[in-house]
Every structure is written in structure tokens, then in C-alpha cells.
Amino acid sequence: MAENQVKVRPALTDLKVGGEITFPIAKTKSVRAQASDLGLILDRKYQTETDREKRTITVTRLK
């Protein structure tokens, strides 16, 4: 059941500037909330983009 499940917060924390990570669209609410919180706490900037056809959300670290 838990096949290749990536935890959102550690994945975003480890992301380098210019790096991207993609999650299933079912995690959209969690991914956006974590990106917002971590951006504020760690003085970073993240950008999210959803792909409705592929059913994914991609996070890019900008700062």
C-alpha cells in the first residue's frame, strides 16, 4: 500500500534552489500548505504548478 510514498515536508526541506519535486494531485492541499509554511519559516520561496492531465502537482524552489 505505501509503495514509494514520499513525505511532503522532508522532501520540500531537502529541495535545493532550482530543484523540482512532483506529487500526486491528491496531495495538493498538503503540498501547498507545507510549501507556504516552510517558505515563511525558512525564508524560502516555492512555486507550485498543477497538471490536470497528468494528475500531478509540481513544486519548484525559487529561493
PDB file of N, CA and C in Angstrom:
ATOM      1  N   MET A   1       0.818  -1.199   0.000  1.00  0.00           N
ATOM      2  CA  MET A   1       0.000   0.000   0.000  1.00  0.00           C
ATOM      3  C   MET A   1       0.864   1.266   0.000  1.00  0.00           C
ATOM      4  N   ALA A   2       1.881   1.322   0.838  1.00  0.00           N
ATOM      5  CA  ALA A   2       2.730   2.513   0.936  1.00  0.00           C
ATOM      6  C   ALA A   2       3.916   2.407  -0.009  1.00  0.00           C
ATOM      7  N   GLU A   3       3.645   2.191  -1.259  1.00  0.00           N
ATOM      8  CA  GLU A   3       4.688   1.988  -2.255  1.00  0.00           C
ATOM      9  C   GLU A   3       5.249   3.325  -2.740  1.00  0.00           C
ATOM     10  N   ASN A   4       6.542   3.561  -2.476  1.00  0.00           N
ATOM     11  CA  ASN A   4       7.229   4.785  -2.903  1.00  0.00           C
ATOM     12  C   ASN A   4       6.522   6.063  -2.454  1.00  0.00           C
ATOM     13  N   GLN A   5       6.048   6.103  -1.229  1.00  0.00           N
ATOM     14  CA  GLN A   5       5.393   7.295  -0.725  1.00  0.00           C
ATOM     15  C   GLN A   5       6.447   8.246  -0.160  1.00  0.00           C
ATOM     16  N   VAL A   6       6.495   9.455  -0.703  1.00  0.00           N
ATOM     17  CA  VAL A   6       7.446  10.466  -0.266  1.00  0.00           C
ATOM     18  C   VAL A   6       6.737  11.399   0.700  1.00  0.00           C
ATOM     19  N   LYS A   7       7.358  11.656   1.832  1.00  0.00           N
ATOM     20  CA  LYS A   7       6.798  12.592   2.805  1.00  0.00           C
ATOM     21  C   LYS A   7       6.982  14.009   2.269  1.00  0.00           C
ATOM     22  N   VAL A   8       5.960  14.817   2.375  1.00  0.00           N
ATOM     23  CA  VAL A   8       5.960  16.143   1.767  1.00  0.00           C
ATOM     24  C   VAL A   8       6.961  17.080   2.443  1.00  0.00           C
ATOM     25  N   ARG A   9       6.861  17.245   3.753  1.00  0.00           N
ATOM     26  CA  ARG A   9       7.703  18.232   4.449  1.00  0.00           C
ATOM     27  C   ARG A   9       9.202  17.945   4.315  1.00  0.00           C
ATOM     28  N   PRO A  10       9.666  16.711   4.579  1.00  0.00           N
ATOM     29  CA  PRO A  10      11.104  16.453   4.401  1.00  0.00           C
ATOM     30  C   PRO A  10      11.564  16.644   2.954  1.00  0.00           C
ATOM     31  N   ALA A  11      10.723  16.299   2.007  1.00  0.00           N
ATOM     32  CA  ALA A  11      11.094  16.456   0.595  1.00  0.00           C
ATOM     33  C   ALA A  11      11.262  17.932   0.245  1.00  0.00           C
ATOM     34  N   LEU A  12      10.375  18.781   0.738  1.00  0.00           N
ATOM     35  CA  LEU A  12      10.478  20.213   0.457  1.00  0.00           C
ATOM     36  C   LEU A  12      11.647  20.845   1.204  1.00  0.00           C
ATOM     37  N   THR A  13      11.914  20.380   2.407  1.00  0.00           N
ATOM     38  CA  THR A  13      13.042  20.899   3.184  1.00  0.00           C
ATOM     39  C   THR A  13      14.368  20.580   2.501  1.00  0.00           C
ATOM     40  N   ASP A  14      14.488  19.402   1.922  1.00  0.00           N
ATOM     41  CA  ASP A  14      15.727  18.969   1.263  1.00  0.00           C
ATOM     42  C   ASP A  14      15.906  19.545  -0.139  1.00  0.00           C
ATOM     43  N   LEU A  15      14.876  20.162  -0.684  1.00  0.00           N
ATOM     44  CA  LEU A  15      14.920  20.664  -2.057  1.00  0.00           C
ATOM     45  C   LEU A  15      15.922  21.814  -2.184  1.00  0.00           C
ATOM     46  N   LYS A  16      16.791  21.737  -3.172  1.00  0.00           N
ATOM     47  CA  LYS A  16      17.781  22.790  -3.441  1.00  0.00           C
ATOM     48  C   LYS A  16      17.155  23.857  -4.340  1.00  0.00           C
ATOM     49  N   VAL A  17      17.757  25.056  -4.349  1.00  0.00           N
ATOM     50  CA  VAL A  17      17.275  26.138  -5.208  1.00  0.00           C
ATOM     51  C   VAL A  17      17.308  25.667  -6.665  1.00  0.00           C
ATOM     52  N   GLY A  18      16.199  25.842  -7.356  1.00  0.00           N
ATOM     53  CA  GLY A  18      16.071  25.400  -8.739  1.00  0.00           C
ATOM     54  C   GLY A  18      15.567  23.974  -8.873  1.00  0.00           C
ATOM     55  N   GLY A  19      15.489  23.263  -7.751  1.00  0.00           N
ATOM     56  CA  GLY A  19      15.033  21.876  -7.768  1.00  0.00           C
ATOM     57  C   GLY A  19      13.521  21.770  -7.872  1.00  0.00           C
ATOM     58  N   GLU A  20      13.071  20.633  -8.371  1.00  0.00           N
ATOM     59  CA  GLU A  20      11.635  20.362  -8.512  1.00  0.00           C
ATOM     60  C   GLU A  20      11.316  18.998  -7.940  1.00  0.00           C
ATOM     61  N   ILE A  21      10.102  18.864  -7.432  1.00  0.00           N
ATOM     62  CA  ILE A  21       9.599  17.563  -6.994  1.00  0.00           C
ATOM     63  C   ILE A  21       8.121  17.496  -7.348  1.00  0.00           C
ATOM     64  N   THR A  22       7.675  16.323  -7.741  1.00  0.00           N
ATOM     65  CA  THR A  22       6.294  16.137  -8.177  1.00  0.00           C
ATOM     66  C   THR A  22       5.582  15.155  -7.261  1.00  0.00           C
ATOM     67  N   PHE A  23       4.342  15.499  -6.924  1.00  0.00           N
ATOM     68  CA  PHE A  23       3.499  14.676  -6.060  1.00  0.00           C
ATOM     69  C   PHE A  23       2.189  14.369  -6.778  1.00  0.00           C
ATOM     70  N   PRO A  24       1.477  13.329  -6.332  1.00  0.00           N
ATOM     71  CA  PRO A  24       0.140  13.052  -6.880  1.00  0.00           C
ATOM     72  C   PRO A  24      -0.812  14.205  -6.541  1.00  0.00           C
ATOM     73  N   ILE A  25      -1.758  14.460  -7.397  1.00  0.00           N
ATOM     74  CA  ILE A  25      -2.668  15.591  -7.214  1.00  0.00           C
ATOM     75  C   ILE A  25      -3.516  15.446  -5.944  1.00  0.00           C
ATOM     76  N   ALA A  26      -3.662  14.238  -5.440  1.00  0.00           N
ATOM     77  CA  ALA A  26      -4.417  14.019  -4.199  1.00  0.00           C
ATOM     78  C   ALA A  26      -3.756  14.715  -3.007  1.00  0.00           C
ATOM     79  N   LYS A  27      -2.467  15.028  -3.112  1.00  0.00           N
ATOM     80  CA  LYS A  27      -1.744  15.689  -2.023  1.00  0.00           C
ATOM     81  C   LYS A  27      -1.689  17.207  -2.195  1.00  0.00           C
ATOM     82  N   THR A  28      -2.466  17.754  -3.108  1.00  0.00           N
ATOM     83  CA  THR A  28      -2.393  19.183  -3.421  1.00  0.00           C
ATOM     84  C   THR A  28      -2.543  20.073  -2.198  1.00  0.00           C
ATOM     85  N   LYS A  29      -3.545  19.838  -1.400  1.00  0.00           N
ATOM     86  CA  LYS A  29      -3.799  20.696  -0.238  1.00  0.00           C
ATOM     87  C   LYS A  29      -2.626  20.653   0.738  1.00  0.00           C
ATOM     88  N   SER A  30      -2.125  19.477   1.012  1.00  0.00           N
ATOM     89  CA  SER A  30      -0.997  19.314   1.923  1.00  0.00           C
ATOM     90  C   SER A  30       0.275  19.942   1.359  1.00  0.00           C
ATOM     91  N   VAL A  31       0.540  19.719   0.081  1.00  0.00           N
ATOM     92  CA  VAL A  31       1.758  20.242  -0.553  1.00  0.00           C
ATOM     93  C   VAL A  31       1.766  21.767  -0.518  1.00  0.00           C
ATOM     94  N   ARG A  32       0.662  22.380  -0.881  1.00  0.00           N
ATOM     95  CA  ARG A  32       0.605  23.847  -0.889  1.00  0.00           C
ATOM     96  C   ARG A  32       0.733  24.423   0.517  1.00  0.00           C
ATOM     97  N   ALA A  33       0.096  23.792   1.488  1.00  0.00           N
ATOM     98  CA  ALA A  33       0.191  24.264   2.870  1.00  0.00           C
ATOM     99  C   ALA A  33       1.622  24.158   3.384  1.00  0.00           C
ATOM    100  N   GLN A  34       2.268  23.033   3.123  1.00  0.00           N
ATOM    101  CA  GLN A  34       3.647  22.841   3.579  1.00  0.00           C
ATOM    102  C   GLN A  34       4.594  23.818   2.886  1.00  0.00           C
ATOM    103  N   ALA A  35       4.422  24.035   1.599  1.00  0.00           N
ATOM    104  CA  ALA A  35       5.276  24.973   0.863  1.00  0.00           C
ATOM    105  C   ALA A  35       5.126  26.383   1.434  1.00  0.00           C
ATOM    106  N   SER A  36       3.912  26.764   1.755  1.00  0.00           N
ATOM    107  CA  SER A  36       3.664  28.080   2.328  1.00  0.00           C
ATOM    108  C   SER A  36       4.309  28.208   3.706  1.00  0.00           C
ATOM    109  N   ASP A  37       4.101  27.223   4.572  1.00  0.00           N
ATOM    110  CA  ASP A  37       4.672  27.242   5.922  1.00  0.00           C
ATOM    111  C   ASP A  37       6.194  27.252   5.892  1.00  0.00           C
ATOM    112  N   LEU A  38       6.784  26.361   5.111  1.00  0.00           N
ATOM    113  CA  LEU A  38       8.244  26.281   5.052  1.00  0.00           C
ATOM    114  C   LEU A  38       8.847  27.536   4.436  1.00  0.00           C
ATOM    115  N   GLY A  39       8.174  28.113   3.476  1.00  0.00           N
ATOM    116  CA  GLY A  39       8.657  29.355   2.886  1.00  0.00           C
ATOM    117  C   GLY A  39       8.751  30.462   3.921  1.00  0.00           C
ATOM    118  N   LEU A  40       7.762  30.540   4.780  1.00  0.00           N
ATOM    119  CA  LEU A  40       7.745  31.549   5.833  1.00  0.00           C
ATOM    120  C   LEU A  40       8.788  31.250   6.905  1.00  0.00           C
ATOM    121  N   ILE A  41       8.817  30.021   7.372  1.00  0.00           N
ATOM    122  CA  ILE A  41       9.717  29.634   8.462  1.00  0.00           C
ATOM    123  C   ILE A  41      11.188  29.691   8.048  1.00  0.00           C
ATOM    124  N   LEU A  42      11.503  29.187   6.857  1.00  0.00           N
ATOM    125  CA  LEU A  42      12.896  29.065   6.418  1.00  0.00           C
ATOM    126  C   LEU A  42      13.330  30.168   5.450  1.00  0.00           C
ATOM    127  N   ASP A  43      12.484  31.176   5.249  1.00  0.00           N
ATOM    128  CA  ASP A  43      12.768  32.280   4.326  1.00  0.00           C
ATOM    129  C   ASP A  43      13.117  31.766   2.934  1.00  0.00           C
ATOM    130  N   ARG A  44      12.231  30.941   2.403  1.00  0.00           N
ATOM    131  CA  ARG A  44      12.385  30.376   1.062  1.00  0.00           C
ATOM    132  C   ARG A  44      11.181  30.772   0.224  1.00  0.00           C
ATOM    133  N   LYS A  45      11.287  30.531  -1.070  1.00  0.00           N
ATOM    134  CA  LYS A  45      10.148  30.783  -1.955  1.00  0.00           C
ATOM    135  C   LYS A  45       9.937  29.553  -2.822  1.00  0.00           C
ATOM    136  N   TYR A  46       8.709  29.057  -2.798  1.00  0.00           N
ATOM    137  CA  TYR A  46       8.331  27.897  -3.595  1.00  0.00           C
ATOM    138  C   TYR A  46       7.251  28.302  -4.583  1.00  0.00           C
ATOM    139  N   GLN A  47       7.215  27.623  -5.707  1.00  0.00           N
ATOM    140  CA  GLN A  47       6.167  27.821  -6.716  1.00  0.00           C
ATOM    141  C   GLN A  47       5.527  26.463  -6.976  1.00  0.00           C
ATOM    142  N   THR A  48       4.200  26.433  -7.035  1.00  0.00           N
ATOM    143  CA  THR A  48       3.516  25.171  -7.329  1.00  0.00           C
ATOM    144  C   THR A  48       2.795  25.281  -8.664  1.00  0.00           C
ATOM    145  N   GLU A  49       2.714  24.150  -9.341  1.00  0.00           N
ATOM    146  CA  GLU A  49       2.020  24.091 -10.630  1.00  0.00           C
ATOM    147  C   GLU A  49       1.298  22.755 -10.724  1.00  0.00           C
ATOM    148  N   THR A  50       0.014  22.806 -11.053  1.00  0.00           N
ATOM    149  CA  THR A  50      -0.752  21.571 -11.199  1.00  0.00           C
ATOM    150  C   THR A  50      -0.903  21.213 -12.670  1.00  0.00           C
ATOM    151  N   ASP A  51      -0.860  19.921 -12.927  1.00  0.00           N
ATOM    152  CA  ASP A  51      -1.068  19.397 -14.282  1.00  0.00           C
ATOM    153  C   ASP A  51      -2.298  18.500 -14.210  1.00  0.00           C
ATOM    154  N   ARG A  52      -3.406  19.001 -14.698  1.00  0.00           N
ATOM    155  CA  ARG A  52      -4.668  18.260 -14.612  1.00  0.00           C
ATOM    156  C   ARG A  52      -4.657  16.992 -15.446  1.00  0.00           C
ATOM    157  N   GLU A  53      -3.966  17.014 -16.567  1.00  0.00           N
ATOM    158  CA  GLU A  53      -3.921  15.827 -17.430  1.00  0.00           C
ATOM    159  C   GLU A  53      -3.118  14.695 -16.791  1.00  0.00           C
ATOM    160  N   LYS A  54      -1.965  15.038 -16.221  1.00  0.00           N
ATOM    161  CA  LYS A  54      -1.116  14.021 -15.585  1.00  0.00           C
ATOM    162  C   LYS A  54      -1.538  13.741 -14.145  1.00  0.00           C
ATOM    163  N   ARG A  55      -2.416  14.607 -13.601  1.00  0.00           N
ATOM    164  CA  ARG A  55      -2.909  14.474 -12.220  1.00  0.00           C
ATOM    165  C   ARG A  55      -1.762  14.584 -11.221  1.00  0.00           C
ATOM    166  N   THR A  56      -0.927  15.637 -11.403  1.00  0.00           N
ATOM    167  CA  THR A  56       0.216  15.855 -10.518  1.00  0.00           C
ATOM    168  C   THR A  56       0.303  17.315 -10.103  1.00  0.00           C
ATOM    169  N   ILE A  57       1.042  17.558  -9.021  1.00  0.00           N
ATOM    170  CA  ILE A  57       1.395  18.907  -8.597  1.00  0.00           C
ATOM    171  C   ILE A  57       2.914  18.938  -8.464  1.00  0.00           C
ATOM    172  N   THR A  58       3.532  19.947  -9.071  1.00  0.00           N
ATOM    173  CA  THR A  58       4.985  20.076  -9.060  1.00  0.00           C
ATOM    174  C   THR A  58       5.373  21.309  -8.260  1.00  0.00           C
ATOM    175  N   VAL A  59       6.349  21.142  -7.364  1.00  0.00           N
ATOM    176  CA  VAL A  59       6.855  22.240  -6.549  1.00  0.00           C
ATOM    177  C   VAL A  59       8.265  22.566  -7.018  1.00  0.00           C
ATOM    178  N   THR A  60       8.526  23.850  -7.233  1.00  0.00           N
ATOM    179  CA  THR A  60       9.854  24.326  -7.613  1.00  0.00           C
ATOM    180  C   THR A  60      10.331  25.295  -6.538  1.00  0.00           C
ATOM    181  N   ARG A  61      11.570  25.124  -6.080  1.00  0.00           N
ATOM    182  CA  ARG A  61      12.132  26.064  -5.109  1.00  0.00           C
ATOM    183  C   ARG A  61      12.824  27.189  -5.867  1.00  0.00           C
ATOM    184  N   LEU A  62      12.380  28.419  -5.619  1.00  0.00           N
ATOM    185  CA  LEU A  62      12.914  29.582  -6.314  1.00  0.00           C
ATOM    186  C   LEU A  62      13.986  30.316  -5.515  1.00  0.00           C
ATOM    187  N   LYS A  63      13.924  30.248  -4.185  1.00  0.00           N
ATOM    188  CA  LYS A  63      14.877  30.970  -3.326  1.00  0.00           C
ATOM    189  C   LYS A  63      15.313  30.085  -2.190  1.00  0.00           C
TER     190      LYS A  63
END
